[in-house]
């Protein structure tokens, strides 16, 4: 699922723009994949018991809660590292900091999201985090 969301939220806009350097595109898309994967970890954690009962096998149904936390942390760290590498590819610091904002929000929501299965949290807030950096980048670069 993370790959599909990465394609829709990162790859397609790059393909439509058409004049993005390959190095920037790869770093950005790979970073976005790990950020979106971290969001998907919360969605999968919410559905974990149902998935186990249905026999759906995934890392989230297989891992214990501590291992899931470690997977989340690793995913976020890889996102930050890949995003920082965008500086070497010529992306301004302001744009990189804007990419970090949704990740910091996700980190802040992680424990709450594991305990709360509100549709508003999952389908408005967490899904909204996938597009937040794009919206912020557009606003900052527009004005």
N, C-alpha and C. Protein backbone atom coordinates (compact mmCIF):
# COMPACT_ATOMS: atom_id res chain seq x y z
N UNK A 1 0.81 -1.18 0.00
CA UNK A 1 0.00 0.00 0.00
C UNK A 1 0.87 1.27 0.00
N UNK A 2 1.98 1.22 0.74
CA UNK A 2 2.86 2.39 0.78
C UNK A 2 3.40 2.72 -0.60
N UNK A 3 3.66 1.70 -1.40
CA UNK A 3 4.18 1.94 -2.74
C UNK A 3 3.13 2.64 -3.61
N UNK A 4 1.88 2.22 -3.49
CA UNK A 4 0.81 2.86 -4.27
C UNK A 4 0.65 4.32 -3.88
N UNK A 5 0.66 4.60 -2.59
CA UNK A 5 0.52 5.99 -2.14
C UNK A 5 1.74 6.82 -2.53
N UNK A 6 2.92 6.22 -2.50
CA UNK A 6 4.12 6.94 -2.93
C UNK A 6 4.02 7.29 -4.40
N UNK A 7 3.53 6.36 -5.18
CA UNK A 7 3.38 6.62 -6.61
C UNK A 7 2.42 7.78 -6.85
N UNK A 8 1.30 7.77 -6.15
CA UNK A 8 0.28 8.81 -6.35
C UNK A 8 0.74 10.16 -5.81
N UNK A 9 1.40 10.18 -4.66
CA UNK A 9 1.74 11.46 -4.02
C UNK A 9 3.12 12.00 -4.36
N UNK A 10 4.02 11.16 -4.88
CA UNK A 10 5.38 11.63 -5.17
C UNK A 10 5.80 11.39 -6.61
N UNK A 11 5.64 10.17 -7.09
CA UNK A 11 6.12 9.85 -8.43
C UNK A 11 5.32 10.55 -9.51
N UNK A 12 4.01 10.46 -9.45
CA UNK A 12 3.18 11.10 -10.48
C UNK A 12 3.43 12.61 -10.60
N UNK A 13 3.47 13.36 -9.48
CA UNK A 13 3.78 14.79 -9.63
C UNK A 13 5.13 15.05 -10.29
N UNK A 14 6.12 14.22 -10.00
CA UNK A 14 7.43 14.37 -10.64
C UNK A 14 7.34 14.08 -12.13
N UNK A 15 6.62 13.03 -12.48
CA UNK A 15 6.46 12.70 -13.90
C UNK A 15 5.71 13.80 -14.64
N UNK A 16 4.71 14.38 -14.00
CA UNK A 16 3.95 15.46 -14.63
C UNK A 16 4.83 16.69 -14.80
N UNK A 17 5.62 17.02 -13.78
CA UNK A 17 6.52 18.18 -13.86
C UNK A 17 7.53 17.98 -14.99
N UNK A 18 8.14 16.81 -15.01
CA UNK A 18 8.97 16.42 -16.14
C UNK A 18 10.39 16.90 -16.16
N UNK A 19 10.76 17.92 -15.42
CA UNK A 19 12.14 18.42 -15.52
C UNK A 19 12.88 18.35 -14.18
N UNK A 20 12.64 17.29 -13.44
CA UNK A 20 13.30 17.08 -12.15
C UNK A 20 14.50 16.16 -12.37
N UNK A 21 15.64 16.53 -11.82
CA UNK A 21 16.85 15.71 -11.94
C UNK A 21 16.60 14.33 -11.33
N UNK A 22 17.16 13.32 -11.94
CA UNK A 22 16.95 11.94 -11.51
C UNK A 22 17.35 11.72 -10.07
N UNK A 23 18.50 12.25 -9.65
CA UNK A 23 18.97 12.08 -8.28
C UNK A 23 17.97 12.65 -7.28
N UNK A 24 17.47 13.85 -7.55
CA UNK A 24 16.48 14.47 -6.68
C UNK A 24 15.21 13.63 -6.62
N UNK A 25 14.78 13.17 -7.78
CA UNK A 25 13.53 12.39 -7.85
C UNK A 25 13.65 11.09 -7.06
N UNK A 26 14.77 10.41 -7.21
CA UNK A 26 14.96 9.13 -6.51
C UNK A 26 15.02 9.35 -5.00
N UNK A 27 15.81 10.32 -4.56
CA UNK A 27 15.90 10.60 -3.12
C UNK A 27 14.55 11.00 -2.55
N UNK A 28 13.85 11.88 -3.25
CA UNK A 28 12.56 12.35 -2.76
C UNK A 28 11.56 11.20 -2.69
N UNK A 29 11.44 10.43 -3.77
CA UNK A 29 10.46 9.34 -3.80
C UNK A 29 10.79 8.25 -2.77
N UNK A 30 12.06 7.93 -2.64
CA UNK A 30 12.45 6.92 -1.64
C UNK A 30 12.14 7.42 -0.22
N UNK A 31 12.45 8.69 0.03
CA UNK A 31 12.13 9.26 1.35
C UNK A 31 10.64 9.25 1.61
N UNK A 32 9.87 9.64 0.62
CA UNK A 32 8.41 9.66 0.78
C UNK A 32 7.86 8.26 1.01
N UNK A 33 8.47 7.25 0.35
CA UNK A 33 8.04 5.88 0.58
C UNK A 33 8.17 5.53 2.07
N UNK A 34 9.32 5.83 2.66
CA UNK A 34 9.52 5.46 4.07
C UNK A 34 8.64 6.27 5.01
N UNK A 35 8.35 7.53 4.65
CA UNK A 35 7.41 8.32 5.45
C UNK A 35 6.00 7.72 5.36
N UNK A 36 5.57 7.41 4.15
CA UNK A 36 4.24 6.83 3.95
C UNK A 36 4.16 5.44 4.57
N UNK A 37 5.25 4.69 4.50
CA UNK A 37 5.26 3.37 5.15
C UNK A 37 5.05 3.52 6.66
N UNK A 38 5.65 4.53 7.26
CA UNK A 38 5.45 4.77 8.69
C UNK A 38 3.97 5.03 8.99
N UNK A 39 3.31 5.78 8.11
CA UNK A 39 1.87 6.00 8.27
C UNK A 39 1.12 4.68 8.13
N UNK A 40 1.50 3.88 7.16
CA UNK A 40 0.84 2.58 6.94
C UNK A 40 1.02 1.65 8.14
N UNK A 41 2.13 1.78 8.84
CA UNK A 41 2.35 0.96 10.04
C UNK A 41 1.22 1.23 11.04
N UNK A 42 0.84 2.48 11.21
CA UNK A 42 -0.26 2.80 12.13
C UNK A 42 -1.58 2.21 11.63
N UNK A 43 -1.85 2.33 10.35
CA UNK A 43 -3.08 1.74 9.80
C UNK A 43 -3.09 0.22 10.02
N UNK A 44 -1.96 -0.42 9.74
CA UNK A 44 -1.89 -1.87 9.92
C UNK A 44 -1.98 -2.26 11.39
N UNK A 45 -1.41 -1.46 12.27
CA UNK A 45 -1.49 -1.74 13.71
C UNK A 45 -2.94 -1.66 14.17
N UNK A 46 -3.67 -0.68 13.67
CA UNK A 46 -5.08 -0.55 14.03
C UNK A 46 -5.87 -1.79 13.63
N UNK A 47 -5.54 -2.37 12.48
CA UNK A 47 -6.28 -3.52 11.95
C UNK A 47 -5.63 -4.86 12.32
N UNK A 48 -4.65 -4.83 13.18
CA UNK A 48 -3.82 -5.99 13.48
C UNK A 48 -4.61 -7.21 13.95
N UNK A 49 -5.49 -7.03 14.91
CA UNK A 49 -6.25 -8.16 15.45
C UNK A 49 -7.18 -8.76 14.39
N UNK A 50 -7.82 -7.90 13.63
CA UNK A 50 -8.69 -8.38 12.55
C UNK A 50 -7.87 -9.16 11.52
N UNK A 51 -6.73 -8.60 11.13
CA UNK A 51 -5.87 -9.26 10.14
C UNK A 51 -5.39 -10.62 10.65
N UNK A 52 -5.04 -10.70 11.93
CA UNK A 52 -4.62 -11.99 12.50
C UNK A 52 -5.76 -12.99 12.42
N UNK A 53 -6.96 -12.54 12.80
CA UNK A 53 -8.13 -13.43 12.79
C UNK A 53 -8.45 -13.91 11.37
N UNK A 54 -8.19 -13.08 10.39
CA UNK A 54 -8.46 -13.43 8.99
C UNK A 54 -7.31 -14.19 8.34
N UNK A 55 -6.21 -14.34 9.07
CA UNK A 55 -5.06 -15.05 8.53
C UNK A 55 -4.20 -14.22 7.60
N UNK A 56 -4.36 -12.90 7.63
CA UNK A 56 -3.54 -12.01 6.81
C UNK A 56 -2.16 -11.92 7.44
N UNK A 57 -1.15 -12.24 6.67
CA UNK A 57 0.21 -12.24 7.19
C UNK A 57 0.95 -11.00 6.72
N UNK A 58 1.53 -10.31 7.68
CA UNK A 58 2.34 -9.14 7.39
C UNK A 58 3.34 -8.98 8.54
N UNK A 59 4.28 -8.08 8.37
CA UNK A 59 5.22 -7.83 9.47
C UNK A 59 4.48 -7.37 10.72
N UNK A 60 3.42 -6.58 10.52
CA UNK A 60 2.69 -6.03 11.67
C UNK A 60 1.94 -7.13 12.42
N UNK A 61 1.42 -8.12 11.73
CA UNK A 61 0.74 -9.22 12.42
C UNK A 61 1.75 -10.21 13.01
N UNK A 62 2.92 -10.27 12.42
CA UNK A 62 3.95 -11.19 12.89
C UNK A 62 4.75 -10.61 14.06
N UNK A 63 5.11 -9.33 14.00
CA UNK A 63 5.95 -8.71 15.02
C UNK A 63 5.18 -8.45 16.31
N UNK A 64 5.92 -8.41 17.43
CA UNK A 64 5.32 -7.95 18.67
C UNK A 64 5.32 -6.41 18.67
N UNK A 65 4.69 -5.81 19.68
CA UNK A 65 4.53 -4.36 19.66
C UNK A 65 5.87 -3.63 19.70
N UNK A 66 6.82 -4.11 20.44
CA UNK A 66 8.15 -3.46 20.50
C UNK A 66 8.82 -3.50 19.13
N UNK A 67 8.72 -4.61 18.43
CA UNK A 67 9.32 -4.73 17.10
C UNK A 67 8.63 -3.80 16.11
N UNK A 68 7.33 -3.62 16.26
CA UNK A 68 6.60 -2.68 15.41
C UNK A 68 7.09 -1.26 15.66
N UNK A 69 7.31 -0.93 16.93
CA UNK A 69 7.84 0.39 17.27
C UNK A 69 9.21 0.60 16.63
N UNK A 70 10.05 -0.42 16.66
CA UNK A 70 11.38 -0.33 16.06
C UNK A 70 11.25 -0.16 14.54
N UNK A 71 10.36 -0.89 13.92
CA UNK A 71 10.13 -0.75 12.48
C UNK A 71 9.70 0.68 12.14
N UNK A 72 8.81 1.24 12.95
CA UNK A 72 8.37 2.63 12.76
C UNK A 72 9.55 3.59 12.88
N UNK A 73 10.35 3.42 13.91
CA UNK A 73 11.51 4.30 14.13
C UNK A 73 12.50 4.20 12.97
N UNK A 74 12.77 2.99 12.52
CA UNK A 74 13.69 2.81 11.40
C UNK A 74 13.15 3.49 10.15
N UNK A 75 11.87 3.33 9.90
CA UNK A 75 11.26 3.95 8.73
C UNK A 75 11.38 5.48 8.78
N UNK A 76 11.13 6.05 9.94
CA UNK A 76 11.24 7.51 10.11
C UNK A 76 12.69 7.97 9.96
N UNK A 77 13.62 7.22 10.53
CA UNK A 77 15.05 7.59 10.41
C UNK A 77 15.49 7.56 8.95
N UNK A 78 15.10 6.52 8.23
CA UNK A 78 15.48 6.44 6.81
C UNK A 78 14.87 7.62 6.04
N UNK A 79 13.62 7.97 6.36
CA UNK A 79 13.00 9.14 5.74
C UNK A 79 13.85 10.39 5.99
N UNK A 80 14.24 10.63 7.24
CA UNK A 80 15.03 11.83 7.56
C UNK A 80 16.38 11.82 6.84
N UNK A 81 17.05 10.68 6.81
CA UNK A 81 18.35 10.59 6.15
C UNK A 81 18.21 10.88 4.65
N UNK A 82 17.25 10.25 4.00
CA UNK A 82 17.06 10.48 2.57
C UNK A 82 16.66 11.93 2.29
N UNK A 83 15.86 12.50 3.16
CA UNK A 83 15.46 13.90 2.98
C UNK A 83 16.65 14.84 3.18
N UNK A 84 17.51 14.54 4.14
CA UNK A 84 18.71 15.35 4.33
C UNK A 84 19.64 15.26 3.12
N UNK A 85 19.69 14.12 2.48
CA UNK A 85 20.53 13.96 1.29
C UNK A 85 20.04 14.83 0.13
N UNK A 86 18.79 15.28 0.20
CA UNK A 86 18.28 16.19 -0.83
C UNK A 86 19.05 17.51 -0.85
N UNK A 87 19.64 17.89 0.28
CA UNK A 87 20.44 19.12 0.32
C UNK A 87 21.62 19.00 -0.63
N UNK A 88 22.28 17.85 -0.63
CA UNK A 88 23.41 17.63 -1.54
C UNK A 88 22.96 17.62 -3.00
N UNK A 89 21.68 17.33 -3.21
CA UNK A 89 21.15 17.32 -4.58
C UNK A 89 20.66 18.70 -5.00
N UNK A 90 20.82 19.70 -4.10
CA UNK A 90 20.49 21.06 -4.47
C UNK A 90 19.14 21.58 -3.99
N UNK A 91 18.46 20.84 -3.14
CA UNK A 91 17.17 21.30 -2.60
C UNK A 91 17.43 22.28 -1.46
N UNK A 92 16.76 23.42 -1.43
CA UNK A 92 16.97 24.40 -0.34
C UNK A 92 16.55 23.84 1.03
N UNK A 93 17.26 24.33 2.07
CA UNK A 93 16.96 23.90 3.43
C UNK A 93 15.49 24.13 3.79
N UNK A 94 14.92 25.24 3.36
CA UNK A 94 13.52 25.54 3.69
C UNK A 94 12.60 24.42 3.20
N UNK A 95 12.83 23.94 1.99
CA UNK A 95 12.00 22.86 1.45
C UNK A 95 12.19 21.56 2.23
N UNK A 96 13.41 21.30 2.65
CA UNK A 96 13.67 20.09 3.43
C UNK A 96 12.99 20.18 4.79
N UNK A 97 13.07 21.34 5.42
CA UNK A 97 12.40 21.53 6.71
C UNK A 97 10.89 21.34 6.56
N UNK A 98 10.34 21.83 5.47
CA UNK A 98 8.91 21.65 5.22
C UNK A 98 8.57 20.16 5.07
N UNK A 99 9.45 19.39 4.45
CA UNK A 99 9.22 17.94 4.34
C UNK A 99 9.20 17.28 5.72
N UNK A 100 9.97 17.85 6.65
CA UNK A 100 10.05 17.28 8.00
C UNK A 100 8.79 17.53 8.84
N UNK A 101 8.05 18.58 8.57
CA UNK A 101 6.90 18.95 9.41
C UNK A 101 5.90 17.80 9.55
N UNK A 102 5.43 17.17 8.45
CA UNK A 102 4.49 16.05 8.63
C UNK A 102 5.10 14.88 9.40
N UNK A 103 6.40 14.65 9.23
CA UNK A 103 7.06 13.55 9.95
C UNK A 103 7.07 13.82 11.45
N UNK A 104 7.36 15.07 11.83
CA UNK A 104 7.33 15.40 13.26
C UNK A 104 5.92 15.26 13.82
N UNK A 105 4.93 15.65 13.05
CA UNK A 105 3.53 15.48 13.48
C UNK A 105 3.21 13.99 13.63
N UNK A 106 3.67 13.18 12.69
CA UNK A 106 3.42 11.73 12.76
C UNK A 106 4.08 11.13 13.99
N UNK A 107 5.30 11.54 14.28
CA UNK A 107 5.99 11.05 15.47
C UNK A 107 5.18 11.41 16.72
N UNK A 108 4.67 12.63 16.75
CA UNK A 108 3.86 13.06 17.89
C UNK A 108 2.55 12.31 18.02
N UNK A 109 2.02 11.85 16.91
CA UNK A 109 0.73 11.13 16.91
C UNK A 109 0.87 9.62 17.06
N UNK A 110 2.07 9.10 16.98
CA UNK A 110 2.27 7.66 16.91
C UNK A 110 1.66 6.91 18.10
N UNK A 111 2.03 7.27 19.31
CA UNK A 111 1.49 6.56 20.48
C UNK A 111 -0.01 6.73 20.60
N UNK A 112 -0.48 7.93 20.33
CA UNK A 112 -1.93 8.19 20.37
C UNK A 112 -2.65 7.35 19.32
N UNK A 113 -2.08 7.28 18.12
CA UNK A 113 -2.69 6.52 17.04
C UNK A 113 -2.76 5.03 17.31
N UNK A 114 -1.80 4.51 18.09
CA UNK A 114 -1.83 3.09 18.43
C UNK A 114 -2.96 2.77 19.40
N UNK A 115 -3.42 3.75 20.14
CA UNK A 115 -4.47 3.53 21.14
C UNK A 115 -5.84 3.99 20.68
N UNK A 116 -5.89 4.79 19.62
CA UNK A 116 -7.14 5.40 19.17
C UNK A 116 -7.43 4.96 17.74
N UNK A 117 -8.61 4.44 17.49
CA UNK A 117 -8.94 3.98 16.14
C UNK A 117 -9.97 4.87 15.46
N UNK A 118 -10.03 6.12 15.86
CA UNK A 118 -10.98 7.07 15.29
C UNK A 118 -10.80 7.21 13.78
N UNK A 119 -11.91 7.13 13.06
CA UNK A 119 -11.84 7.32 11.61
C UNK A 119 -11.34 8.70 11.26
N UNK A 120 -11.66 9.70 12.07
CA UNK A 120 -11.18 11.07 11.81
C UNK A 120 -9.67 11.13 11.88
N UNK A 121 -9.11 10.47 12.89
CA UNK A 121 -7.65 10.44 13.02
C UNK A 121 -7.01 9.76 11.81
N UNK A 122 -7.55 8.62 11.44
CA UNK A 122 -6.92 7.83 10.39
C UNK A 122 -7.19 8.37 8.99
N UNK A 123 -8.42 8.74 8.70
CA UNK A 123 -8.76 9.12 7.32
C UNK A 123 -8.67 10.61 7.05
N UNK A 124 -8.56 11.41 8.08
CA UNK A 124 -8.40 12.85 7.86
C UNK A 124 -6.98 13.28 8.23
N UNK A 125 -6.57 12.99 9.45
CA UNK A 125 -5.27 13.47 9.93
C UNK A 125 -4.12 12.69 9.29
N UNK A 126 -4.10 11.37 9.47
CA UNK A 126 -2.97 10.59 8.95
C UNK A 126 -2.91 10.62 7.43
N UNK A 127 -4.04 10.44 6.77
CA UNK A 127 -4.04 10.56 5.31
C UNK A 127 -3.65 11.97 4.88
N UNK A 128 -4.07 12.96 5.65
CA UNK A 128 -3.74 14.35 5.35
C UNK A 128 -2.25 14.63 5.45
N UNK A 129 -1.56 13.90 6.32
CA UNK A 129 -0.10 14.08 6.45
C UNK A 129 0.62 13.74 5.15
N UNK A 130 0.04 12.85 4.36
CA UNK A 130 0.68 12.47 3.08
C UNK A 130 0.73 13.64 2.11
N UNK A 131 -0.23 14.54 2.21
CA UNK A 131 -0.26 15.65 1.26
C UNK A 131 0.18 16.98 1.90
N UNK A 132 0.39 16.98 3.22
CA UNK A 132 0.70 18.23 3.91
C UNK A 132 1.98 18.88 3.40
N UNK A 133 3.05 18.13 3.22
CA UNK A 133 4.30 18.76 2.77
C UNK A 133 4.13 19.35 1.37
N UNK A 134 3.40 18.66 0.51
CA UNK A 134 3.16 19.20 -0.84
C UNK A 134 2.39 20.50 -0.78
N UNK A 135 1.37 20.55 0.06
CA UNK A 135 0.59 21.77 0.22
C UNK A 135 1.43 22.90 0.80
N UNK A 136 2.22 22.59 1.83
CA UNK A 136 3.08 23.62 2.44
C UNK A 136 4.14 24.11 1.46
N UNK A 137 4.74 23.18 0.71
CA UNK A 137 5.74 23.58 -0.29
C UNK A 137 5.12 24.49 -1.35
N UNK A 138 3.94 24.14 -1.79
CA UNK A 138 3.24 24.96 -2.78
C UNK A 138 2.97 26.35 -2.21
N UNK A 139 2.49 26.43 -0.96
CA UNK A 139 2.18 27.73 -0.36
C UNK A 139 3.44 28.58 -0.18
N UNK A 140 4.50 27.98 0.34
CA UNK A 140 5.73 28.73 0.59
C UNK A 140 6.36 29.19 -0.72
N UNK A 141 6.38 28.36 -1.72
CA UNK A 141 7.01 28.72 -2.99
C UNK A 141 6.10 29.60 -3.86
N UNK A 142 4.84 29.65 -3.52
CA UNK A 142 3.88 30.46 -4.27
C UNK A 142 3.94 31.92 -3.85
N UNK A 143 4.19 32.14 -2.55
CA UNK A 143 4.13 33.51 -2.03
C UNK A 143 5.48 34.02 -1.61
